[in-house]
Amino acid sequence: MRQLQNVAEQCAALATVPVIPAALVQNAINADPGGLQSLEEARRGFERDYLVRVLKITAGNVTQAARLAGRNRTEFYKLLDRHGLTPSAFKPAKD
């Protein structure tokens, strides 16, 4: 039960769209919880999680997100591109 909860929490934290993609769930299931990530993998994971969090806080506003992260917009866009993140995915849905 605990493993299922961990998978659900990880997927919810990493999802950039309202419906969690199957690939994200599969990656969470296949992750070796006892294994230790390399420093580079851990850094990439932290960086992506940080970008997702900043984009959620700013509702996808790149100017505000870059300011919060202490980066210029060009550099911030490069980071988003590196992690496959799209700012529009964080904008509130229009009713």
N, C-alpha and C. Protein backbone atom coordinates (compact mmCIF):
# COMPACT_ATOMS: atom_id res chain seq x y z
N MET A 1 0.82 -1.19 0.00
CA MET A 1 0.00 0.00 0.00
C MET A 1 0.87 1.26 0.00
N ARG A 2 1.96 1.22 0.77
CA ARG A 2 2.85 2.37 0.85
C ARG A 2 3.50 2.67 -0.51
N GLN A 3 3.87 1.60 -1.23
CA GLN A 3 4.49 1.80 -2.54
C GLN A 3 3.51 2.46 -3.50
N LEU A 4 2.25 2.04 -3.46
CA LEU A 4 1.24 2.65 -4.32
C LEU A 4 1.06 4.12 -4.00
N GLN A 5 1.05 4.45 -2.72
CA GLN A 5 0.92 5.85 -2.31
C GLN A 5 2.12 6.65 -2.80
N ASN A 6 3.33 6.10 -2.68
CA ASN A 6 4.53 6.79 -3.15
C ASN A 6 4.48 7.03 -4.66
N VAL A 7 4.03 6.04 -5.42
CA VAL A 7 3.91 6.19 -6.88
C VAL A 7 2.90 7.29 -7.20
N ALA A 8 1.76 7.27 -6.52
CA ALA A 8 0.73 8.29 -6.78
C ALA A 8 1.24 9.68 -6.44
N GLU A 9 1.93 9.83 -5.32
CA GLU A 9 2.46 11.14 -4.92
C GLU A 9 3.52 11.63 -5.91
N GLN A 10 4.41 10.72 -6.33
CA GLN A 10 5.45 11.10 -7.28
C GLN A 10 4.84 11.54 -8.60
N CYS A 11 3.86 10.80 -9.10
CA CYS A 11 3.22 11.14 -10.37
C CYS A 11 2.48 12.47 -10.27
N ALA A 12 1.78 12.70 -9.18
CA ALA A 12 1.06 13.96 -9.01
C ALA A 12 2.03 15.14 -8.96
N ALA A 13 3.17 14.95 -8.34
CA ALA A 13 4.15 16.04 -8.23
C ALA A 13 4.81 16.34 -9.57
N LEU A 14 5.00 15.32 -10.40
CA LEU A 14 5.72 15.52 -11.66
C LEU A 14 4.82 15.80 -12.85
N ALA A 15 3.54 15.57 -12.70
CA ALA A 15 2.62 15.75 -13.83
C ALA A 15 2.51 17.22 -14.20
N THR A 16 2.54 17.48 -15.49
CA THR A 16 2.41 18.86 -15.98
C THR A 16 1.06 19.09 -16.65
N VAL A 17 0.26 18.03 -16.72
CA VAL A 17 -1.06 18.11 -17.34
C VAL A 17 -2.09 17.53 -16.37
N PRO A 18 -3.37 17.85 -16.56
CA PRO A 18 -4.38 17.36 -15.62
C PRO A 18 -4.49 15.83 -15.54
N VAL A 19 -4.28 15.13 -16.65
CA VAL A 19 -4.33 13.67 -16.67
C VAL A 19 -2.91 13.14 -16.69
N ILE A 20 -2.57 12.32 -15.72
CA ILE A 20 -1.20 11.81 -15.59
C ILE A 20 -0.92 10.80 -16.70
N PRO A 21 0.14 11.04 -17.50
CA PRO A 21 0.47 10.13 -18.59
C PRO A 21 0.91 8.76 -18.08
N ALA A 22 0.58 7.72 -18.84
CA ALA A 22 0.93 6.35 -18.46
C ALA A 22 2.43 6.17 -18.33
N ALA A 23 3.20 6.84 -19.18
CA ALA A 23 4.66 6.72 -19.13
C ALA A 23 5.21 7.21 -17.79
N LEU A 24 4.62 8.26 -17.25
CA LEU A 24 5.05 8.79 -15.96
C LEU A 24 4.79 7.77 -14.85
N VAL A 25 3.64 7.13 -14.90
CA VAL A 25 3.30 6.10 -13.92
C VAL A 25 4.25 4.92 -14.05
N GLN A 26 4.52 4.50 -15.29
CA GLN A 26 5.41 3.37 -15.53
C GLN A 26 6.81 3.67 -14.99
N ASN A 27 7.31 4.87 -15.23
CA ASN A 27 8.63 5.24 -14.72
C ASN A 27 8.66 5.21 -13.19
N ALA A 28 7.60 5.66 -12.57
CA ALA A 28 7.53 5.65 -11.10
C ALA A 28 7.49 4.23 -10.57
N ILE A 29 6.79 3.35 -11.26
CA ILE A 29 6.70 1.95 -10.83
C ILE A 29 8.03 1.25 -11.00
N ASN A 30 8.72 1.53 -12.10
CA ASN A 30 9.99 0.86 -12.40
C ASN A 30 11.17 1.41 -11.62
N ALA A 31 10.99 2.55 -10.96
CA ALA A 31 12.10 3.15 -10.22
C ALA A 31 12.52 2.20 -9.10
N ASP A 32 13.80 2.04 -8.91
CA ASP A 32 14.34 1.18 -7.86
C ASP A 32 14.46 1.99 -6.58
N PRO A 33 13.52 1.81 -5.63
CA PRO A 33 13.55 2.63 -4.44
C PRO A 33 14.78 2.40 -3.58
N GLY A 34 15.40 1.23 -3.69
CA GLY A 34 16.59 0.95 -2.88
C GLY A 34 17.87 1.44 -3.53
N GLY A 35 17.81 1.73 -4.82
CA GLY A 35 18.99 2.16 -5.55
C GLY A 35 19.28 3.64 -5.33
N LEU A 36 20.50 4.00 -5.51
CA LEU A 36 20.90 5.39 -5.35
C LEU A 36 21.13 5.99 -6.72
N GLN A 37 20.50 7.13 -6.98
CA GLN A 37 20.69 7.82 -8.25
C GLN A 37 22.09 8.40 -8.31
N SER A 38 22.54 8.61 -9.54
CA SER A 38 23.79 9.34 -9.70
C SER A 38 23.53 10.79 -9.33
N LEU A 39 24.59 11.51 -9.04
CA LEU A 39 24.44 12.93 -8.70
C LEU A 39 23.79 13.69 -9.84
N GLU A 40 24.16 13.37 -11.08
CA GLU A 40 23.59 14.06 -12.25
C GLU A 40 22.09 13.78 -12.37
N GLU A 41 21.68 12.53 -12.15
CA GLU A 41 20.26 12.20 -12.21
C GLU A 41 19.48 12.92 -11.11
N ALA A 42 20.05 12.97 -9.93
CA ALA A 42 19.40 13.65 -8.81
C ALA A 42 19.27 15.15 -9.10
N ARG A 43 20.33 15.75 -9.67
CA ARG A 43 20.30 17.17 -10.00
C ARG A 43 19.24 17.48 -11.04
N ARG A 44 19.18 16.63 -12.08
CA ARG A 44 18.16 16.82 -13.13
C ARG A 44 16.76 16.69 -12.55
N GLY A 45 16.57 15.71 -11.69
CA GLY A 45 15.26 15.52 -11.07
C GLY A 45 14.86 16.71 -10.21
N PHE A 46 15.80 17.21 -9.42
CA PHE A 46 15.53 18.37 -8.58
C PHE A 46 15.21 19.58 -9.45
N GLU A 47 16.02 19.78 -10.49
CA GLU A 47 15.84 20.94 -11.36
C GLU A 47 14.46 20.91 -12.02
N ARG A 48 14.03 19.76 -12.51
CA ARG A 48 12.72 19.65 -13.15
C ARG A 48 11.61 19.90 -12.13
N ASP A 49 11.72 19.28 -10.97
CA ASP A 49 10.71 19.49 -9.92
C ASP A 49 10.63 20.95 -9.52
N TYR A 50 11.77 21.61 -9.43
CA TYR A 50 11.82 23.03 -9.07
C TYR A 50 11.12 23.87 -10.13
N LEU A 51 11.41 23.59 -11.40
CA LEU A 51 10.78 24.34 -12.49
C LEU A 51 9.27 24.14 -12.50
N VAL A 52 8.82 22.91 -12.28
CA VAL A 52 7.38 22.63 -12.23
C VAL A 52 6.75 23.42 -11.09
N ARG A 53 7.39 23.43 -9.95
CA ARG A 53 6.85 24.15 -8.79
C ARG A 53 6.75 25.65 -9.06
N VAL A 54 7.79 26.22 -9.64
CA VAL A 54 7.80 27.66 -9.94
C VAL A 54 6.72 27.99 -10.97
N LEU A 55 6.57 27.14 -11.98
CA LEU A 55 5.54 27.39 -13.00
C LEU A 55 4.14 27.26 -12.41
N LYS A 56 3.95 26.34 -11.48
CA LYS A 56 2.64 26.21 -10.83
C LYS A 56 2.34 27.46 -10.00
N ILE A 57 3.34 27.94 -9.28
CA ILE A 57 3.16 29.13 -8.43
C ILE A 57 2.78 30.34 -9.28
N THR A 58 3.40 30.47 -10.44
CA THR A 58 3.19 31.64 -11.30
C THR A 58 2.13 31.40 -12.38
N ALA A 59 1.46 30.25 -12.32
CA ALA A 59 0.43 29.90 -13.31
C ALA A 59 0.96 29.98 -14.74
N GLY A 60 2.20 29.56 -14.94
CA GLY A 60 2.79 29.51 -16.27
C GLY A 60 3.34 30.82 -16.79
N ASN A 61 3.40 31.85 -15.96
CA ASN A 61 3.95 33.14 -16.38
C ASN A 61 5.48 33.06 -16.32
N VAL A 62 6.10 32.99 -17.49
CA VAL A 62 7.54 32.78 -17.57
C VAL A 62 8.33 33.96 -16.99
N THR A 63 7.87 35.16 -17.21
CA THR A 63 8.58 36.33 -16.69
C THR A 63 8.63 36.27 -15.16
N GLN A 64 7.50 35.99 -14.53
CA GLN A 64 7.47 35.90 -13.07
C GLN A 64 8.27 34.69 -12.58
N ALA A 65 8.15 33.57 -13.28
CA ALA A 65 8.86 32.35 -12.89
C ALA A 65 10.37 32.57 -12.96
N ALA A 66 10.83 33.19 -14.04
CA ALA A 66 12.26 33.47 -14.18
C ALA A 66 12.74 34.40 -13.08
N ARG A 67 11.94 35.38 -12.75
CA ARG A 67 12.30 36.32 -11.69
C ARG A 67 12.41 35.58 -10.35
N LEU A 68 11.45 34.72 -10.05
CA LEU A 68 11.50 33.94 -8.80
C LEU A 68 12.73 33.04 -8.75
N ALA A 69 13.09 32.48 -9.90
CA ALA A 69 14.23 31.57 -9.96
C ALA A 69 15.57 32.31 -10.03
N GLY A 70 15.51 33.62 -10.18
CA GLY A 70 16.75 34.39 -10.27
C GLY A 70 17.48 34.21 -11.58
N ARG A 71 16.74 33.97 -12.65
CA ARG A 71 17.31 33.77 -13.98
C ARG A 71 16.67 34.74 -14.97
N ASN A 72 17.36 34.97 -16.09
CA ASN A 72 16.72 35.78 -17.12
C ASN A 72 15.79 34.87 -17.94
N ARG A 73 14.87 35.49 -18.67
CA ARG A 73 13.86 34.71 -19.40
C ARG A 73 14.47 33.76 -20.42
N THR A 74 15.50 34.20 -21.13
CA THR A 74 16.13 33.35 -22.14
C THR A 74 16.69 32.09 -21.52
N GLU A 75 17.40 32.24 -20.44
CA GLU A 75 17.98 31.09 -19.74
C GLU A 75 16.87 30.19 -19.18
N PHE A 76 15.81 30.81 -18.68
CA PHE A 76 14.70 30.04 -18.13
C PHE A 76 14.02 29.22 -19.22
N TYR A 77 13.82 29.83 -20.39
CA TYR A 77 13.24 29.08 -21.51
C TYR A 77 14.12 27.90 -21.90
N LYS A 78 15.42 28.08 -21.86
CA LYS A 78 16.34 26.98 -22.19
C LYS A 78 16.20 25.84 -21.17
N LEU A 79 16.05 26.20 -19.89
CA LEU A 79 15.84 25.18 -18.86
C LEU A 79 14.53 24.43 -19.10
N LEU A 80 13.48 25.17 -19.43
CA LEU A 80 12.19 24.53 -19.70
C LEU A 80 12.29 23.57 -20.88
N ASP A 81 12.97 24.02 -21.92
CA ASP A 81 13.15 23.19 -23.11
C ASP A 81 13.94 21.92 -22.78
N ARG A 82 14.98 22.06 -21.98
CA ARG A 82 15.82 20.93 -21.59
C ARG A 82 15.00 19.86 -20.86
N HIS A 83 14.00 20.30 -20.11
CA HIS A 83 13.19 19.37 -19.33
C HIS A 83 11.84 19.05 -19.98
N GLY A 84 11.63 19.55 -21.19
CA GLY A 84 10.39 19.25 -21.92
C GLY A 84 9.15 19.85 -21.28
N LEU A 85 9.30 21.00 -20.65
CA LEU A 85 8.18 21.66 -19.98
C LEU A 85 7.64 22.79 -20.84
N THR A 86 6.33 22.91 -20.90
CA THR A 86 5.66 23.95 -21.65
C THR A 86 4.89 24.86 -20.70
N PRO A 87 5.22 26.15 -20.67
CA PRO A 87 4.54 27.06 -19.75
C PRO A 87 3.02 27.05 -19.88
N SER A 88 2.52 26.88 -21.09
CA SER A 88 1.06 26.91 -21.29
C SER A 88 0.35 25.78 -20.55
N ALA A 89 1.07 24.70 -20.24
CA ALA A 89 0.46 23.59 -19.51
C ALA A 89 0.13 23.97 -18.07
N PHE A 90 0.70 25.07 -17.59
CA PHE A 90 0.49 25.50 -16.22
C PHE A 90 -0.48 26.66 -16.11
N LYS A 91 -0.95 27.14 -17.24
CA LYS A 91 -1.90 28.24 -17.23
C LYS A 91 -3.28 27.71 -16.86
N PRO A 92 -4.06 28.48 -16.12
CA PRO A 92 -5.40 28.03 -15.74
C PRO A 92 -6.27 27.77 -16.96
N ALA A 93 -7.09 26.74 -16.87
CA ALA A 93 -7.98 26.39 -17.98
C ALA A 93 -9.07 27.45 -18.09
N LYS A 94 -9.38 27.82 -19.32
CA LYS A 94 -10.45 28.79 -19.56
C LYS A 94 -11.76 28.04 -19.59
N ASP A 95 -12.75 28.54 -18.88
CA ASP A 95 -14.06 27.89 -18.84
C ASP A 95 -14.94 28.29 -19.99
